[in-house]
Amino acid sequence: MRCARHLSDHGPSKAYVIHQATGIARARRILYSDHYGWFERVDRGIYRLTPAGEQALERFAGQFAEAAE
């Protein structure tokens, strides 16, 4: 969810930038594996959020906010 939130807030980003901003050590692997269909590779090492990812952020917005507190 943090990778998806970063992409939603900042637009297409390099996996390394997402890793640095979120502190998620496996960010690159999460984006590359894309198990839920939330991420799309647009260039070498650069990913963006798919419409499915945007919907997931909306669907889980309340749960994500509670987890961040």
Protein backbone atom coordinates (compact mmCIF):
# COMPACT_ATOMS: atom_id res chain seq x y z
CA MET A 1 0.00 0.00 0.00
CA ARG A 2 2.85 2.42 0.73
CA CYS A 3 4.31 1.90 -2.75
CA ALA A 4 0.89 2.53 -4.28
CA ARG A 5 0.35 5.63 -2.14
CA HIS A 6 3.75 7.02 -3.19
CA LEU A 7 2.95 6.52 -6.87
CA SER A 8 -0.47 8.09 -6.42
CA ASP A 9 1.04 11.14 -4.72
CA HIS A 10 4.13 11.56 -6.92
CA GLY A 11 3.31 9.98 -10.27
CA PRO A 12 5.63 7.61 -12.17
CA SER A 13 8.77 7.02 -10.14
CA LYS A 14 11.94 4.98 -10.10
CA ALA A 15 11.81 1.94 -7.86
CA TYR A 16 14.87 3.21 -5.99
CA VAL A 17 13.17 6.54 -5.25
CA ILE A 18 10.14 4.69 -3.89
CA HIS A 19 12.45 2.55 -1.77
CA GLN A 20 14.17 5.66 -0.36
CA ALA A 21 10.92 7.55 0.27
CA THR A 22 8.99 4.70 1.88
CA GLY A 23 11.76 2.73 3.57
CA ILE A 24 10.50 -0.47 1.92
CA ALA A 25 13.61 -2.52 1.21
CA ARG A 26 11.75 -4.79 -1.24
CA ALA A 27 10.02 -1.99 -3.18
CA ARG A 28 11.66 -2.93 -6.47
CA ARG A 29 10.62 -6.57 -6.11
CA ILE A 30 7.06 -5.61 -5.12
CA LEU A 31 6.70 -3.35 -8.16
CA TYR A 32 8.28 -5.87 -10.53
CA SER A 33 6.24 -8.83 -9.28
CA ASP A 34 2.99 -6.85 -9.37
CA HIS A 35 0.89 -9.63 -7.86
CA TYR A 36 -2.29 -7.53 -7.68
CA GLY A 37 -2.02 -5.70 -11.00
CA TRP A 38 -1.50 -2.34 -9.29
CA PHE A 39 1.79 -1.33 -10.95
CA GLU A 40 2.90 -0.86 -14.53
CA ARG A 41 6.46 -0.53 -15.78
CA VAL A 42 6.73 2.51 -18.06
CA ASP A 43 10.51 2.50 -18.54
CA ARG A 44 13.56 0.83 -17.12
CA GLY A 45 13.10 0.92 -13.34
CA ILE A 46 10.18 3.37 -13.55
CA TYR A 47 6.68 2.39 -12.51
CA ARG A 48 3.25 3.98 -12.35
CA LEU A 49 0.00 3.09 -10.68
CA THR A 50 -2.62 1.31 -12.79
CA PRO A 51 -6.36 2.02 -12.59
CA ALA A 52 -6.64 -1.15 -10.46
CA GLY A 53 -4.07 0.33 -8.07
CA GLU A 54 -6.02 3.58 -7.83
CA GLN A 55 -9.20 1.61 -7.06
CA ALA A 56 -7.38 -0.37 -4.37
CA LEU A 57 -6.22 2.83 -2.69
CA GLU A 58 -9.80 4.10 -2.63
CA ARG A 59 -11.17 0.75 -1.43
CA PHE A 60 -8.68 0.39 1.41
CA ALA A 61 -8.31 4.10 2.27
CA GLY A 62 -9.80 3.74 5.75
CA GLN A 63 -7.73 0.70 6.63
CA PHE A 64 -4.57 2.34 5.31
CA ALA A 65 -5.17 5.49 7.39
CA GLU A 66 -5.70 3.43 10.53
CA ALA A 67 -2.50 1.46 9.93
CA ALA A 68 -0.49 4.67 9.53
CA GLU A 69 -1.53 5.97 12.97
